[in-house]
Amino acid sequence: MATSIALNEGLHTGMVDTSLGKLHYVSAGNGAPLVLIHGGFGSWLHWRDNIAALAQHHTVFAIDLPGFGLSCDAAPESDIDGLARPVGEAIAGLRATLAPPLRDTPPGIAAFSFGTAVAVRVALLFPGSIRPAWARCRRRSRHCRPVRPRRHATRACARVLRSRSTS
C-alpha cells in the first residue's frame, strides 16, 4: 500500500467498505455522481489533473482499485470479477453518502485502459447500478468534455469480457 499524499483544496479522502476490504477514494464537487476508475499500475492520481474540471458539474469519486494506491490488497489470483465486485460494492457505498435526490441517481462511470475493463464488468455484474459517462480529458490538462460512447464499441467490450469470464 502507498503512503498518503497532500490533497489539493476541495478534495476529500475516505475509505468505503467492501467484502474484500476498504477501498480508498478521493471526492470533490456537487452534482450528479461520477465515479472515475484509473488504469493499471496506478491510482486515483491518474485523474488528479481532471478532477477539478469534472467537479464543477459532478460529485466526483476517484477510487483506487483493489491492490492499488491506498486500497486493500486484491485477492490472490483474482480475476476481473475479483476486482469488479468490490468496485460495484464501493459504488453502492458511495451512493449511500449522497443527499437523497442524488442517492437515487445511478452514477456515471468514466475509466481508461485497464479501468475500462473493470468498469464494463461492473456494469455487467450490477445491472442498472451505473450509467456510462465517458470523458475525454487531455493528459495534464484541466479541460474535460463529455463524449458519447459508440454503442458498438461498448457492446464489443461487453462481449469480450463475457467470453473471457465463461472460459
N, C-alpha and C. Protein backbone atom coordinates (compact mmCIF):
# COMPACT_ATOMS: atom_id res chain seq x y z
N MET A 1 0.83 -1.18 0.00
CA MET A 1 0.00 0.00 0.00
C MET A 1 0.87 1.24 0.00
N ALA A 2 0.45 2.25 -0.74
CA ALA A 2 1.19 3.50 -0.83
C ALA A 2 0.94 4.36 0.40
N THR A 3 1.75 5.36 0.59
CA THR A 3 1.54 6.29 1.69
C THR A 3 0.66 7.43 1.22
N SER A 4 0.06 8.14 2.15
CA SER A 4 -0.85 9.22 1.77
C SER A 4 -0.07 10.44 1.29
N ILE A 5 -0.73 11.24 0.47
CA ILE A 5 -0.11 12.47 -0.05
C ILE A 5 -1.01 13.65 0.29
N ALA A 6 -0.46 14.84 0.18
CA ALA A 6 -1.24 16.05 0.44
C ALA A 6 -2.29 16.23 -0.64
N LEU A 7 -3.50 16.64 -0.24
CA LEU A 7 -4.60 16.83 -1.19
C LEU A 7 -4.74 18.30 -1.54
N ASN A 8 -5.12 18.57 -2.78
CA ASN A 8 -5.43 19.93 -3.20
C ASN A 8 -6.68 20.40 -2.47
N GLU A 9 -6.85 21.71 -2.39
CA GLU A 9 -8.03 22.28 -1.76
C GLU A 9 -9.29 21.78 -2.47
N GLY A 10 -10.29 21.44 -1.69
CA GLY A 10 -11.55 20.98 -2.26
C GLY A 10 -11.65 19.47 -2.42
N LEU A 11 -10.54 18.76 -2.24
CA LEU A 11 -10.56 17.30 -2.34
C LEU A 11 -10.68 16.70 -0.95
N HIS A 12 -11.46 15.65 -0.86
CA HIS A 12 -11.65 14.94 0.40
C HIS A 12 -11.30 13.48 0.17
N THR A 13 -10.74 12.84 1.17
CA THR A 13 -10.35 11.44 1.05
C THR A 13 -11.18 10.60 2.00
N GLY A 14 -11.37 9.34 1.65
CA GLY A 14 -12.13 8.46 2.50
C GLY A 14 -11.90 7.00 2.13
N MET A 15 -12.52 6.14 2.90
CA MET A 15 -12.47 4.69 2.67
C MET A 15 -13.91 4.19 2.67
N VAL A 16 -14.19 3.23 1.80
CA VAL A 16 -15.52 2.65 1.73
C VAL A 16 -15.37 1.13 1.89
N ASP A 17 -16.26 0.54 2.69
CA ASP A 17 -16.20 -0.89 2.97
C ASP A 17 -16.71 -1.72 1.81
N THR A 18 -16.02 -2.84 1.54
CA THR A 18 -16.46 -3.84 0.56
C THR A 18 -16.23 -5.21 1.17
N SER A 19 -16.70 -6.25 0.51
CA SER A 19 -16.49 -7.60 1.02
C SER A 19 -15.01 -7.99 1.01
N LEU A 20 -14.21 -7.32 0.21
CA LEU A 20 -12.77 -7.59 0.12
C LEU A 20 -11.98 -6.83 1.18
N GLY A 21 -12.47 -5.67 1.55
CA GLY A 21 -11.78 -4.77 2.49
C GLY A 21 -12.15 -3.34 2.14
N LYS A 22 -11.36 -2.41 2.61
CA LYS A 22 -11.65 -1.00 2.37
C LYS A 22 -11.01 -0.51 1.07
N LEU A 23 -11.81 0.20 0.26
CA LEU A 23 -11.29 0.83 -0.94
C LEU A 23 -11.17 2.33 -0.67
N HIS A 24 -10.06 2.89 -1.10
CA HIS A 24 -9.79 4.31 -0.93
C HIS A 24 -10.41 5.10 -2.07
N TYR A 25 -10.86 6.30 -1.75
CA TYR A 25 -11.38 7.20 -2.78
C TYR A 25 -11.06 8.64 -2.41
N VAL A 26 -11.08 9.49 -3.40
CA VAL A 26 -10.98 10.93 -3.24
C VAL A 26 -12.23 11.51 -3.87
N SER A 27 -12.85 12.48 -3.20
CA SER A 27 -14.09 13.06 -3.73
C SER A 27 -13.98 14.58 -3.81
N ALA A 28 -14.81 15.14 -4.66
CA ALA A 28 -14.87 16.60 -4.82
C ALA A 28 -16.16 16.95 -5.54
N GLY A 29 -16.62 18.17 -5.35
CA GLY A 29 -17.73 18.72 -6.12
C GLY A 29 -19.10 18.37 -5.59
N ASN A 30 -20.09 18.89 -6.31
CA ASN A 30 -21.51 18.65 -6.03
C ASN A 30 -22.21 18.51 -7.36
N GLY A 31 -23.16 17.62 -7.40
CA GLY A 31 -23.93 17.41 -8.63
C GLY A 31 -24.09 15.92 -8.88
N ALA A 32 -24.48 15.59 -10.08
CA ALA A 32 -24.69 14.19 -10.45
C ALA A 32 -23.42 13.39 -10.16
N PRO A 33 -23.55 12.23 -9.53
CA PRO A 33 -22.36 11.45 -9.17
C PRO A 33 -21.62 10.90 -10.39
N LEU A 34 -20.30 10.90 -10.29
CA LEU A 34 -19.43 10.39 -11.34
C LEU A 34 -18.28 9.65 -10.68
N VAL A 35 -18.10 8.38 -11.04
CA VAL A 35 -17.02 7.55 -10.49
C VAL A 35 -15.92 7.44 -11.54
N LEU A 36 -14.69 7.70 -11.12
CA LEU A 36 -13.53 7.61 -12.00
C LEU A 36 -12.71 6.39 -11.63
N ILE A 37 -12.37 5.58 -12.63
CA ILE A 37 -11.57 4.37 -12.39
C ILE A 37 -10.28 4.49 -13.19
N HIS A 38 -9.18 4.37 -12.50
CA HIS A 38 -7.85 4.53 -13.12
C HIS A 38 -7.45 3.30 -13.92
N GLY A 39 -6.39 3.44 -14.68
CA GLY A 39 -5.81 2.34 -15.43
C GLY A 39 -4.92 1.47 -14.53
N GLY A 40 -4.35 0.45 -15.12
CA GLY A 40 -3.49 -0.46 -14.38
C GLY A 40 -2.23 0.23 -13.88
N PHE A 41 -1.68 -0.32 -12.81
CA PHE A 41 -0.45 0.18 -12.21
C PHE A 41 -0.54 1.65 -11.85
N GLY A 42 -1.69 2.07 -11.31
CA GLY A 42 -1.86 3.46 -10.95
C GLY A 42 -2.74 3.62 -9.73
N SER A 43 -3.37 4.77 -9.64
CA SER A 43 -4.25 5.09 -8.53
C SER A 43 -5.14 6.26 -8.96
N TRP A 44 -5.87 6.81 -8.02
CA TRP A 44 -6.71 7.97 -8.30
C TRP A 44 -5.88 9.13 -8.86
N LEU A 45 -4.58 9.10 -8.59
CA LEU A 45 -3.71 10.18 -9.06
C LEU A 45 -3.68 10.30 -10.58
N HIS A 46 -4.04 9.23 -11.29
CA HIS A 46 -4.15 9.34 -12.75
C HIS A 46 -5.16 10.41 -13.15
N TRP A 47 -6.13 10.69 -12.29
CA TRP A 47 -7.20 11.63 -12.59
C TRP A 47 -6.98 13.01 -11.98
N ARG A 48 -5.91 13.21 -11.23
CA ARG A 48 -5.77 14.43 -10.41
C ARG A 48 -5.87 15.72 -11.21
N ASP A 49 -5.40 15.75 -12.44
CA ASP A 49 -5.46 16.97 -13.23
C ASP A 49 -6.84 17.23 -13.83
N ASN A 50 -7.73 16.26 -13.74
CA ASN A 50 -9.07 16.39 -14.33
C ASN A 50 -10.18 16.55 -13.31
N ILE A 51 -9.90 16.22 -12.06
CA ILE A 51 -10.96 16.20 -11.04
C ILE A 51 -11.61 17.56 -10.87
N ALA A 52 -10.83 18.63 -10.81
CA ALA A 52 -11.41 19.96 -10.58
C ALA A 52 -12.40 20.34 -11.69
N ALA A 53 -12.05 20.07 -12.94
CA ALA A 53 -12.96 20.40 -14.05
C ALA A 53 -14.23 19.57 -13.97
N LEU A 54 -14.11 18.29 -13.68
CA LEU A 54 -15.28 17.42 -13.60
C LEU A 54 -16.14 17.77 -12.38
N ALA A 55 -15.49 18.21 -11.29
CA ALA A 55 -16.21 18.53 -10.05
C ALA A 55 -17.05 19.80 -10.17
N GLN A 56 -16.87 20.56 -11.22
CA GLN A 56 -17.71 21.74 -11.43
C GLN A 56 -19.16 21.37 -11.69
N HIS A 57 -19.39 20.14 -12.18
CA HIS A 57 -20.76 19.71 -12.51
C HIS A 57 -21.15 18.39 -11.86
N HIS A 58 -20.23 17.75 -11.16
CA HIS A 58 -20.47 16.41 -10.61
C HIS A 58 -19.93 16.29 -9.19
N THR A 59 -20.50 15.33 -8.47
CA THR A 59 -19.82 14.83 -7.27
C THR A 59 -18.92 13.72 -7.78
N VAL A 60 -17.63 13.96 -7.74
CA VAL A 60 -16.65 13.05 -8.32
C VAL A 60 -16.09 12.14 -7.23
N PHE A 61 -16.04 10.85 -7.51
CA PHE A 61 -15.39 9.87 -6.66
C PHE A 61 -14.31 9.19 -7.50
N ALA A 62 -13.06 9.48 -7.23
CA ALA A 62 -11.95 8.81 -7.91
C ALA A 62 -11.46 7.71 -6.98
N ILE A 63 -11.65 6.47 -7.39
CA ILE A 63 -11.33 5.35 -6.50
C ILE A 63 -9.96 4.76 -6.84
N ASP A 64 -9.40 4.10 -5.86
CA ASP A 64 -8.22 3.24 -6.06
C ASP A 64 -8.73 1.81 -6.17
N LEU A 65 -8.42 1.13 -7.25
CA LEU A 65 -8.81 -0.27 -7.40
C LEU A 65 -8.17 -1.12 -6.31
N PRO A 66 -8.75 -2.28 -6.00
CA PRO A 66 -8.12 -3.18 -5.03
C PRO A 66 -6.69 -3.51 -5.47
N GLY A 67 -5.77 -3.43 -4.53
CA GLY A 67 -4.36 -3.73 -4.81
C GLY A 67 -3.58 -2.53 -5.31
N PHE A 68 -4.23 -1.37 -5.41
CA PHE A 68 -3.57 -0.16 -5.91
C PHE A 68 -3.77 0.98 -4.93
N GLY A 69 -2.87 1.96 -4.98
CA GLY A 69 -3.00 3.15 -4.15
C GLY A 69 -3.13 2.80 -2.69
N LEU A 70 -4.11 3.40 -2.02
CA LEU A 70 -4.32 3.18 -0.60
C LEU A 70 -5.40 2.15 -0.30
N SER A 71 -5.91 1.47 -1.33
CA SER A 71 -6.95 0.45 -1.13
C SER A 71 -6.36 -0.84 -0.59
N CYS A 72 -7.26 -1.70 -0.09
CA CYS A 72 -6.86 -3.02 0.41
C CYS A 72 -6.22 -3.82 -0.73
N ASP A 73 -5.53 -4.86 -0.34
CA ASP A 73 -4.92 -5.74 -1.34
C ASP A 73 -5.99 -6.48 -2.12
N ALA A 74 -5.68 -6.78 -3.36
CA ALA A 74 -6.57 -7.63 -4.17
C ALA A 74 -6.43 -9.06 -3.67
N ALA A 75 -7.47 -9.85 -3.89
CA ALA A 75 -7.41 -11.25 -3.50
C ALA A 75 -6.34 -11.96 -4.33
N PRO A 76 -5.62 -12.91 -3.73
CA PRO A 76 -4.62 -13.65 -4.50
C PRO A 76 -5.26 -14.28 -5.73
N GLU A 77 -4.57 -14.21 -6.84
CA GLU A 77 -5.04 -14.79 -8.10
C GLU A 77 -6.41 -14.27 -8.50
N SER A 78 -6.73 -13.01 -8.18
CA SER A 78 -8.06 -12.51 -8.52
C SER A 78 -8.14 -12.23 -10.02
N ASP A 79 -9.33 -12.46 -10.55
CA ASP A 79 -9.60 -12.19 -11.96
C ASP A 79 -10.36 -10.86 -12.05
N ILE A 80 -10.89 -10.57 -13.22
CA ILE A 80 -11.58 -9.31 -13.42
C ILE A 80 -12.79 -9.21 -12.49
N ASP A 81 -13.50 -10.32 -12.24
CA ASP A 81 -14.62 -10.29 -11.31
C ASP A 81 -14.15 -9.99 -9.89
N GLY A 82 -12.97 -10.48 -9.53
CA GLY A 82 -12.42 -10.24 -8.20
C GLY A 82 -12.11 -8.78 -7.95
N LEU A 83 -11.96 -8.01 -9.01
CA LEU A 83 -11.78 -6.56 -8.89
C LEU A 83 -13.11 -5.83 -9.06
N ALA A 84 -13.94 -6.29 -9.98
CA ALA A 84 -15.18 -5.59 -10.29
C ALA A 84 -16.21 -5.68 -9.15
N ARG A 85 -16.29 -6.83 -8.50
CA ARG A 85 -17.28 -6.97 -7.41
C ARG A 85 -17.06 -5.94 -6.29
N PRO A 86 -15.83 -5.83 -5.75
CA PRO A 86 -15.65 -4.81 -4.71
C PRO A 86 -15.85 -3.38 -5.23
N VAL A 87 -15.53 -3.14 -6.48
CA VAL A 87 -15.77 -1.81 -7.04
C VAL A 87 -17.27 -1.52 -7.09
N GLY A 88 -18.06 -2.50 -7.52
CA GLY A 88 -19.52 -2.33 -7.52
C GLY A 88 -20.06 -2.11 -6.12
N GLU A 89 -19.53 -2.84 -5.15
CA GLU A 89 -19.94 -2.64 -3.76
C GLU A 89 -19.53 -1.26 -3.26
N ALA A 90 -18.35 -0.80 -3.66
CA ALA A 90 -17.88 0.53 -3.26
C ALA A 90 -18.79 1.60 -3.85
N ILE A 91 -19.19 1.43 -5.10
CA ILE A 91 -20.08 2.40 -5.73
C ILE A 91 -21.39 2.49 -4.97
N ALA A 92 -21.93 1.34 -4.56
CA ALA A 92 -23.17 1.35 -3.75
C ALA A 92 -22.94 2.08 -2.44
N GLY A 93 -21.81 1.84 -1.80
CA GLY A 93 -21.49 2.53 -0.55
C GLY A 93 -21.32 4.03 -0.73
N LEU A 94 -20.71 4.43 -1.83
CA LEU A 94 -20.52 5.86 -2.11
C LEU A 94 -21.85 6.54 -2.41
N ARG A 95 -22.72 5.85 -3.12
CA ARG A 95 -24.05 6.41 -3.40
C ARG A 95 -24.79 6.69 -2.10
N ALA A 96 -24.62 5.83 -1.11
CA ALA A 96 -25.32 5.99 0.17
C ALA A 96 -24.88 7.24 0.91
N THR A 97 -23.72 7.80 0.58
CA THR A 97 -23.24 9.01 1.24
C THR A 97 -23.85 10.28 0.65
N LEU A 98 -24.52 10.17 -0.48
CA LEU A 98 -25.06 11.34 -1.16
C LEU A 98 -26.41 11.75 -0.58
N ALA A 99 -26.77 13.02 -0.79
CA ALA A 99 -28.08 13.51 -0.37
C ALA A 99 -29.16 12.75 -1.13
N PRO A 100 -30.37 12.62 -0.52
CA PRO A 100 -31.43 11.79 -1.12
C PRO A 100 -31.70 11.98 -2.60
N PRO A 101 -31.80 13.18 -3.15
CA PRO A 101 -32.09 13.22 -4.59
C PRO A 101 -30.98 12.58 -5.43
N LEU A 102 -29.72 12.80 -5.04
CA LEU A 102 -28.60 12.24 -5.81
C LEU A 102 -28.38 10.76 -5.50
N ARG A 103 -28.76 10.35 -4.32
CA ARG A 103 -28.57 8.96 -3.90
C ARG A 103 -29.31 8.00 -4.83
N ASP A 104 -30.42 8.47 -5.38
CA ASP A 104 -31.24 7.64 -6.26
C ASP A 104 -30.78 7.67 -7.71
N THR A 105 -29.78 8.48 -8.01
CA THR A 105 -29.28 8.61 -9.37
C THR A 105 -28.10 7.66 -9.58
N PRO A 106 -28.22 6.72 -10.51
CA PRO A 106 -27.05 5.87 -10.77
C PRO A 106 -25.88 6.74 -11.22
N PRO A 107 -24.71 6.54 -10.64
CA PRO A 107 -23.58 7.38 -11.01
C PRO A 107 -23.08 7.08 -12.42
N GLY A 108 -22.55 8.11 -13.04
CA GLY A 108 -21.82 7.88 -14.27
C GLY A 108 -20.50 7.23 -13.92
N ILE A 109 -19.91 6.58 -14.87
CA ILE A 109 -18.62 5.94 -14.63
C ILE A 109 -17.72 6.25 -15.82
N ALA A 110 -16.54 6.71 -15.51
CA ALA A 110 -15.55 7.03 -16.54
C ALA A 110 -14.28 6.28 -16.18
N ALA A 111 -13.65 5.71 -17.18
CA ALA A 111 -12.46 4.90 -16.93
C ALA A 111 -11.57 4.94 -18.16
N PHE A 112 -10.34 4.47 -17.99
CA PHE A 112 -9.46 4.34 -19.14
C PHE A 112 -8.58 3.11 -18.93
N SER A 113 -8.04 2.62 -20.02
CA SER A 113 -7.12 1.49 -20.00
C SER A 113 -7.73 0.32 -19.24
N PHE A 114 -6.99 -0.29 -18.34
CA PHE A 114 -7.45 -1.44 -17.59
C PHE A 114 -8.73 -1.12 -16.80
N GLY A 115 -8.85 0.12 -16.34
CA GLY A 115 -10.05 0.52 -15.60
C GLY A 115 -11.31 0.38 -16.42
N THR A 116 -11.20 0.50 -17.75
CA THR A 116 -12.36 0.34 -18.61
C THR A 116 -12.87 -1.10 -18.55
N ALA A 117 -11.97 -2.06 -18.54
CA ALA A 117 -12.38 -3.47 -18.42
C ALA A 117 -13.10 -3.70 -17.10
N VAL A 118 -12.59 -3.11 -16.03
CA VAL A 118 -13.25 -3.24 -14.73
C VAL A 118 -14.63 -2.57 -14.78
N ALA A 119 -14.71 -1.39 -15.37
CA ALA A 119 -15.98 -0.66 -15.44
C ALA A 119 -17.04 -1.45 -16.22
N VAL A 120 -16.66 -2.03 -17.35
CA VAL A 120 -17.60 -2.81 -18.14
C VAL A 120 -18.08 -4.02 -17.34
N ARG A 121 -17.17 -4.66 -16.62
CA ARG A 121 -17.55 -5.82 -15.81
C ARG A 121 -18.47 -5.42 -14.66
N VAL A 122 -18.22 -4.24 -14.05
CA VAL A 122 -19.13 -3.74 -13.01
C VAL A 122 -20.53 -3.58 -13.60
N ALA A 123 -20.61 -3.00 -14.80
CA ALA A 123 -21.91 -2.80 -15.45
C ALA A 123 -22.62 -4.13 -15.70
N LEU A 124 -21.87 -5.17 -16.03
CA LEU A 124 -22.48 -6.48 -16.28
C LEU A 124 -22.88 -7.18 -14.99
N LEU A 125 -22.08 -7.03 -13.93
CA LEU A 125 -22.37 -7.68 -12.65
C LEU A 125 -23.46 -6.98 -11.86
N PHE A 126 -23.58 -5.67 -12.03
CA PHE A 126 -24.54 -4.86 -11.27
C PHE A 126 -25.42 -4.06 -12.23
N PRO A 127 -26.28 -4.73 -12.99
CA PRO A 127 -27.10 -4.03 -14.00
C PRO A 127 -27.93 -2.91 -13.37
N GLY A 128 -27.95 -1.78 -14.02
CA GLY A 128 -28.74 -0.66 -13.55
C GLY A 128 -28.11 0.16 -12.44
N SER A 129 -26.95 -0.26 -11.95
CA SER A 129 -26.34 0.46 -10.83
C SER A 129 -25.48 1.63 -11.28
N ILE A 130 -25.10 1.66 -12.54
CA ILE A 130 -24.28 2.74 -13.06
C ILE A 130 -24.79 3.11 -14.45
N ARG A 131 -24.34 4.25 -14.92
CA ARG A 131 -24.62 4.64 -16.30
C ARG A 131 -23.29 5.08 -16.91
N PRO A 132 -23.08 4.79 -18.18
CA PRO A 132 -21.82 5.21 -18.78
C PRO A 132 -21.73 6.72 -18.87
N ALA A 133 -20.61 7.27 -18.54
CA ALA A 133 -20.37 8.72 -18.66
C ALA A 133 -18.91 8.86 -19.03
N TRP A 134 -18.65 8.88 -20.28
CA TRP A 134 -17.27 8.89 -20.75
C TRP A 134 -16.79 10.32 -20.84
N ALA A 135 -15.57 10.55 -20.46
CA ALA A 135 -14.98 11.89 -20.53
C ALA A 135 -13.70 11.80 -21.33
N ARG A 136 -13.51 12.75 -22.22
CA ARG A 136 -12.26 12.84 -22.95
C ARG A 136 -11.45 13.94 -22.29
N CYS A 137 -10.36 13.56 -21.67
CA CYS A 137 -9.53 14.51 -20.95
C CYS A 137 -8.12 14.42 -21.50
N ARG A 138 -7.55 15.55 -21.75
CA ARG A 138 -6.16 15.56 -22.19
C ARG A 138 -5.27 15.38 -20.98
N ARG A 139 -4.26 14.56 -21.15
CA ARG A 139 -3.33 14.31 -20.05
C ARG A 139 -2.75 15.65 -19.59
N ARG A 140 -2.65 15.81 -18.30
CA ARG A 140 -2.10 17.01 -17.68
C ARG A 140 -2.86 18.29 -18.08
N SER A 141 -4.16 18.14 -18.30
CA SER A 141 -4.98 19.27 -18.69
C SER A 141 -6.16 19.38 -17.74
N ARG A 142 -6.65 20.55 -17.57
CA ARG A 142 -7.82 20.76 -16.73
C ARG A 142 -9.09 20.84 -17.58
N HIS A 143 -8.99 20.52 -18.86
CA HIS A 143 -10.13 20.63 -19.77
C HIS A 143 -10.65 19.24 -20.12
N CYS A 144 -11.85 18.95 -19.65
CA CYS A 144 -12.51 17.67 -19.94
C CYS A 144 -13.83 17.98 -20.61
N ARG A 145 -14.23 17.12 -21.50
CA ARG A 145 -15.55 17.27 -22.07
C ARG A 145 -16.18 15.89 -22.20
N PRO A 146 -17.49 15.82 -21.95
CA PRO A 146 -18.14 14.52 -22.08
C PRO A 146 -18.23 14.12 -23.55
N VAL A 147 -18.12 12.84 -23.80
CA VAL A 147 -18.31 12.30 -25.13
C VAL A 147 -19.24 11.11 -25.03
N ARG A 148 -19.93 10.84 -26.09
CA ARG A 148 -20.84 9.68 -26.09
C ARG A 148 -20.07 8.46 -26.59
N PRO A 149 -20.18 7.35 -25.85
CA PRO A 149 -19.52 6.14 -26.34
C PRO A 149 -20.21 5.61 -27.58
N ARG A 150 -19.47 5.01 -28.43
CA ARG A 150 -20.07 4.34 -29.59
C ARG A 150 -20.71 3.06 -29.09
N ARG A 151 -21.97 2.89 -29.38
CA ARG A 151 -22.68 1.73 -28.85
C ARG A 151 -22.02 0.42 -29.25
N HIS A 152 -21.58 0.32 -30.50
CA HIS A 152 -20.99 -0.95 -30.93
C HIS A 152 -19.68 -1.21 -30.19
N ALA A 153 -18.94 -0.18 -29.81
CA ALA A 153 -17.69 -0.39 -29.08
C ALA A 153 -17.99 -0.88 -27.67
N THR A 154 -19.01 -0.31 -27.03
CA THR A 154 -19.38 -0.74 -25.68
C THR A 154 -19.86 -2.19 -25.70
N ARG A 155 -20.69 -2.53 -26.70
CA ARG A 155 -21.16 -3.91 -26.81
C ARG A 155 -20.01 -4.87 -27.09
N ALA A 156 -19.06 -4.44 -27.90
CA ALA A 156 -17.91 -5.30 -28.21
C ALA A 156 -17.10 -5.57 -26.96
N CYS A 157 -16.87 -4.55 -26.13
CA CYS A 157 -16.14 -4.75 -24.87
C CYS A 157 -16.90 -5.72 -23.98
N ALA A 158 -18.21 -5.56 -23.90
CA ALA A 158 -19.02 -6.45 -23.06
C ALA A 158 -18.92 -7.88 -23.56
N ARG A 159 -18.97 -8.09 -24.89
CA ARG A 159 -18.87 -9.46 -25.44
C ARG A 159 -17.53 -10.08 -25.10
N VAL A 160 -16.46 -9.31 -25.22
CA VAL A 160 -15.13 -9.84 -24.91
C VAL A 160 -15.05 -10.24 -23.45
N LEU A 161 -15.53 -9.38 -22.56
CA LEU A 161 -15.46 -9.71 -21.14
C LEU A 161 -16.33 -10.89 -20.78
N ARG A 162 -17.53 -10.99 -21.40
CA ARG A 162 -18.40 -12.15 -21.13
C ARG A 162 -17.72 -13.43 -21.59
N SER A 163 -17.10 -13.39 -22.76
CA SER A 163 -16.46 -14.60 -23.28
C SER A 163 -15.27 -15.02 -22.42
N ARG A 164 -14.55 -14.03 -21.89
CA ARG A 164 -13.41 -14.35 -21.01
C ARG A 164 -13.87 -14.89 -19.67
N SER A 165 -15.00 -14.42 -19.17
CA SER A 165 -15.44 -14.87 -17.86
C SER A 165 -16.05 -16.26 -17.91
N THR A 166 -16.49 -16.70 -19.08
CA THR A 166 -17.09 -18.03 -19.19
C THR A 166 -16.07 -19.08 -19.63
N SER A 167 -14.88 -18.66 -20.03
CA SER A 167 -13.90 -19.65 -20.48
C SER A 167 -12.95 -20.05 -19.37
